[in-house]
Each structure stands twice: as structure tokens, then as C-alpha cells.
Amino acid sequence: MIRALGLVGLVIALAIVGLLVKKQLTTSVAPAVTVEGVGTLSAPAGNPRQVQEQFKQSLDAAMQQPRPMPDDAK
């Protein structure tokens, strides 16, 4: 009797995990990532040269920002 209950519990747990995995895999919309000082990153649009130029501009803008220094380094 205890073995049967254990087997039923294992099958139920496996079914729940399977449903969660299926739900996770069918989610196709990736959330937009926001990086401080750069803005929102999303799928590139336009031709490759425009994307490359936009990336270079974003990288240059990020490099111009000063790094925050910890208080104990002063």
C-alpha cells in the first residue's frame, strides 16, 4: 500500500514538472533587458551596418561614463 502511494506521488510530481517544463519551453517572448546608461536592448532592426554603428555608439557612450569608486578607496 505504501509503495503504491509512493508511486502515485512520484507520477504526480513528474506530471507537474513536465507541465512546468512545457510551459517554460513554449514561452517565446524574450523580455527586454535594460542596462543602466545604455537603454533597452532588443532585437536589432535595419541592415548590419546600421546595427554595427548603433552598437559602436552605445559602447562609446557607455565607456564615457565614469566608474563609481567605493568610499574606502578615497
N, C-alpha and C. Protein backbone atom coordinates (compact mmCIF):
# COMPACT_ATOMS: atom_id res chain seq x y z
N MET A 1 0.83 -1.20 0.00
CA MET A 1 0.00 0.00 0.00
C MET A 1 0.87 1.27 0.00
N ILE A 2 1.90 1.27 0.84
CA ILE A 2 2.78 2.45 0.92
C ILE A 2 3.55 2.62 -0.39
N ARG A 3 3.96 1.50 -1.00
CA ARG A 3 4.67 1.58 -2.28
C ARG A 3 3.76 2.17 -3.36
N ALA A 4 2.51 1.78 -3.35
CA ALA A 4 1.56 2.29 -4.34
C ALA A 4 1.37 3.79 -4.18
N LEU A 5 1.24 4.25 -2.94
CA LEU A 5 1.10 5.69 -2.70
C LEU A 5 2.37 6.44 -3.10
N GLY A 6 3.51 5.85 -2.84
CA GLY A 6 4.76 6.47 -3.24
C GLY A 6 4.88 6.57 -4.76
N LEU A 7 4.45 5.52 -5.45
CA LEU A 7 4.48 5.53 -6.91
C LEU A 7 3.50 6.56 -7.48
N VAL A 8 2.32 6.66 -6.90
CA VAL A 8 1.33 7.64 -7.34
C VAL A 8 1.87 9.06 -7.10
N GLY A 9 2.48 9.28 -5.96
CA GLY A 9 3.06 10.59 -5.66
C GLY A 9 4.18 10.94 -6.63
N LEU A 10 4.99 9.96 -6.99
CA LEU A 10 6.07 10.18 -7.94
C LEU A 10 5.53 10.52 -9.33
N VAL A 11 4.49 9.83 -9.75
CA VAL A 11 3.88 10.11 -11.05
C VAL A 11 3.26 11.50 -11.07
N ILE A 12 2.60 11.90 -9.99
CA ILE A 12 2.00 13.24 -9.92
C ILE A 12 3.10 14.31 -9.96
N ALA A 13 4.18 14.11 -9.22
CA ALA A 13 5.27 15.08 -9.22
C ALA A 13 5.90 15.17 -10.61
N LEU A 14 6.06 14.03 -11.28
CA LEU A 14 6.62 14.03 -12.62
C LEU A 14 5.71 14.76 -13.60
N ALA A 15 4.40 14.59 -13.45
CA ALA A 15 3.45 15.27 -14.33
C ALA A 15 3.51 16.79 -14.12
N ILE A 16 3.62 17.22 -12.88
CA ILE A 16 3.70 18.66 -12.57
C ILE A 16 4.97 19.25 -13.17
N VAL A 17 6.09 18.56 -13.00
CA VAL A 17 7.36 19.05 -13.55
C VAL A 17 7.28 19.08 -15.07
N GLY A 18 6.67 18.07 -15.68
CA GLY A 18 6.52 18.06 -17.13
C GLY A 18 5.70 19.22 -17.64
N LEU A 19 4.60 19.55 -16.95
CA LEU A 19 3.78 20.69 -17.34
C LEU A 19 4.55 22.01 -17.20
N LEU A 20 5.32 22.15 -16.14
CA LEU A 20 6.12 23.37 -15.96
C LEU A 20 7.18 23.50 -17.04
N VAL A 21 7.82 22.41 -17.40
CA VAL A 21 8.84 22.44 -18.45
C VAL A 21 8.19 22.81 -19.79
N LYS A 22 7.04 22.21 -20.07
CA LYS A 22 6.34 22.53 -21.32
C LYS A 22 5.97 24.00 -21.38
N LYS A 23 5.48 24.54 -20.26
CA LYS A 23 5.10 25.95 -20.22
C LYS A 23 6.32 26.84 -20.42
N GLN A 24 7.44 26.47 -19.83
CA GLN A 24 8.66 27.27 -19.95
C GLN A 24 9.20 27.23 -21.38
N LEU A 25 9.13 26.08 -22.03
CA LEU A 25 9.66 25.96 -23.37
C LEU A 25 8.77 26.62 -24.42
N THR A 26 7.48 26.73 -24.16
CA THR A 26 6.59 27.35 -25.14
C THR A 26 6.57 28.86 -25.03
N THR A 27 7.16 29.43 -24.01
CA THR A 27 7.24 30.88 -23.89
C THR A 27 8.26 31.37 -24.89
N SER A 28 7.80 32.14 -25.89
CA SER A 28 8.70 32.55 -26.96
C SER A 28 9.06 34.03 -26.92
N VAL A 29 8.44 34.79 -26.05
CA VAL A 29 8.70 36.22 -25.99
C VAL A 29 9.79 36.47 -24.95
N ALA A 30 10.92 36.99 -25.41
CA ALA A 30 12.01 37.30 -24.51
C ALA A 30 11.80 38.69 -23.91
N PRO A 31 12.00 38.85 -22.62
CA PRO A 31 11.83 40.18 -22.03
C PRO A 31 12.94 41.12 -22.47
N ALA A 32 12.61 42.39 -22.57
CA ALA A 32 13.61 43.39 -22.92
C ALA A 32 14.51 43.63 -21.71
N VAL A 33 15.79 43.77 -21.96
CA VAL A 33 16.76 43.96 -20.90
C VAL A 33 17.16 45.43 -20.89
N THR A 34 17.11 46.04 -19.72
CA THR A 34 17.51 47.43 -19.59
C THR A 34 18.86 47.49 -18.90
N VAL A 35 19.80 48.17 -19.52
CA VAL A 35 21.14 48.34 -18.97
C VAL A 35 21.28 49.81 -18.61
N GLU A 36 21.76 50.07 -17.40
CA GLU A 36 21.86 51.45 -16.93
C GLU A 36 22.79 52.25 -17.84
N GLY A 37 22.30 53.36 -18.35
CA GLY A 37 23.12 54.23 -19.18
C GLY A 37 23.09 53.87 -20.65
N VAL A 38 22.58 52.70 -20.99
CA VAL A 38 22.58 52.28 -22.39
C VAL A 38 21.17 52.30 -22.94
N GLY A 39 20.19 51.92 -22.15
CA GLY A 39 18.81 51.89 -22.61
C GLY A 39 18.30 50.48 -22.71
N THR A 40 17.29 50.30 -23.51
CA THR A 40 16.68 48.99 -23.65
C THR A 40 17.32 48.26 -24.83
N LEU A 41 17.70 47.02 -24.58
CA LEU A 41 18.27 46.20 -25.63
C LEU A 41 17.16 45.34 -26.21
N SER A 42 17.09 45.26 -27.51
CA SER A 42 16.07 44.44 -28.15
C SER A 42 16.66 43.85 -29.42
N ALA A 43 15.83 43.18 -30.18
CA ALA A 43 16.29 42.59 -31.43
C ALA A 43 16.72 43.69 -32.39
N PRO A 44 17.84 43.50 -33.08
CA PRO A 44 18.32 44.54 -33.98
C PRO A 44 17.41 44.70 -35.19
N ALA A 45 17.27 45.93 -35.63
CA ALA A 45 16.45 46.23 -36.80
C ALA A 45 17.31 47.01 -37.78
N GLY A 46 17.09 46.82 -39.05
CA GLY A 46 17.86 47.54 -40.05
C GLY A 46 18.93 46.66 -40.64
N ASN A 47 19.77 47.27 -41.45
CA ASN A 47 20.82 46.48 -42.07
C ASN A 47 22.00 46.31 -41.12
N PRO A 48 22.90 45.37 -41.40
CA PRO A 48 24.00 45.10 -40.47
C PRO A 48 24.91 46.29 -40.19
N ARG A 49 25.10 47.16 -41.18
CA ARG A 49 25.95 48.34 -40.95
C ARG A 49 25.32 49.28 -39.93
N GLN A 50 24.00 49.47 -40.02
CA GLN A 50 23.32 50.33 -39.06
C GLN A 50 23.39 49.74 -37.66
N VAL A 51 23.21 48.44 -37.56
CA VAL A 51 23.28 47.77 -36.26
C VAL A 51 24.68 47.91 -35.68
N GLN A 52 25.69 47.73 -36.53
CA GLN A 52 27.07 47.87 -36.07
C GLN A 52 27.34 49.29 -35.59
N GLU A 53 26.85 50.28 -36.30
CA GLU A 53 27.05 51.67 -35.92
C GLU A 53 26.33 52.00 -34.62
N GLN A 54 25.10 51.50 -34.47
CA GLN A 54 24.36 51.72 -33.23
C GLN A 54 25.08 51.08 -32.05
N PHE A 55 25.61 49.88 -32.25
CA PHE A 55 26.33 49.21 -31.19
C PHE A 55 27.59 49.99 -30.80
N LYS A 56 28.30 50.48 -31.80
CA LYS A 56 29.51 51.26 -31.53
C LYS A 56 29.18 52.54 -30.77
N GLN A 57 28.09 53.21 -31.15
CA GLN A 57 27.68 54.43 -30.44
C GLN A 57 27.30 54.11 -29.00
N SER A 58 26.58 53.03 -28.79
CA SER A 58 26.19 52.64 -27.44
C SER A 58 27.41 52.30 -26.60
N LEU A 59 28.35 51.59 -27.20
CA LEU A 59 29.58 51.22 -26.49
C LEU A 59 30.39 52.46 -26.14
N ASP A 60 30.52 53.39 -27.07
CA ASP A 60 31.25 54.63 -26.80
C ASP A 60 30.59 55.44 -25.69
N ALA A 61 29.26 55.50 -25.71
CA ALA A 61 28.53 56.22 -24.66
C ALA A 61 28.74 55.56 -23.30
N ALA A 62 28.75 54.24 -23.27
CA ALA A 62 28.95 53.54 -22.00
C ALA A 62 30.38 53.73 -21.49
N MET A 63 31.34 53.80 -22.40
CA MET A 63 32.73 53.97 -21.99
C MET A 63 33.01 55.38 -21.47
N GLN A 64 32.21 56.36 -21.85
CA GLN A 64 32.40 57.74 -21.41
C GLN A 64 31.94 57.97 -19.98
N GLN A 65 31.11 57.08 -19.46
CA GLN A 65 30.60 57.27 -18.11
C GLN A 65 31.68 56.88 -17.09
N PRO A 66 31.88 57.70 -16.06
CA PRO A 66 32.89 57.37 -15.05
C PRO A 66 32.45 56.18 -14.20
N ARG A 67 33.43 55.38 -13.81
CA ARG A 67 33.13 54.24 -12.94
C ARG A 67 32.91 54.74 -11.52
N PRO A 68 31.92 54.21 -10.83
CA PRO A 68 31.72 54.62 -9.43
C PRO A 68 32.84 54.04 -8.57
N MET A 69 33.42 54.89 -7.73
CA MET A 69 34.51 54.46 -6.85
C MET A 69 33.95 54.14 -5.47
N PRO A 70 34.41 53.08 -4.85
CA PRO A 70 33.97 52.78 -3.49
C PRO A 70 34.45 53.84 -2.50
N ASP A 71 33.72 54.00 -1.41
CA ASP A 71 34.06 55.03 -0.43
C ASP A 71 35.40 54.79 0.25
N ASP A 72 35.81 53.53 0.44
CA ASP A 72 37.05 53.25 1.15
C ASP A 72 38.29 53.51 0.28
N ALA A 73 38.14 53.72 -1.03
CA ALA A 73 39.29 53.96 -1.90
C ALA A 73 39.73 55.42 -1.87
N LYS A 74 38.96 56.30 -1.29
CA LYS A 74 39.30 57.72 -1.27
C LYS A 74 40.32 58.06 -0.25
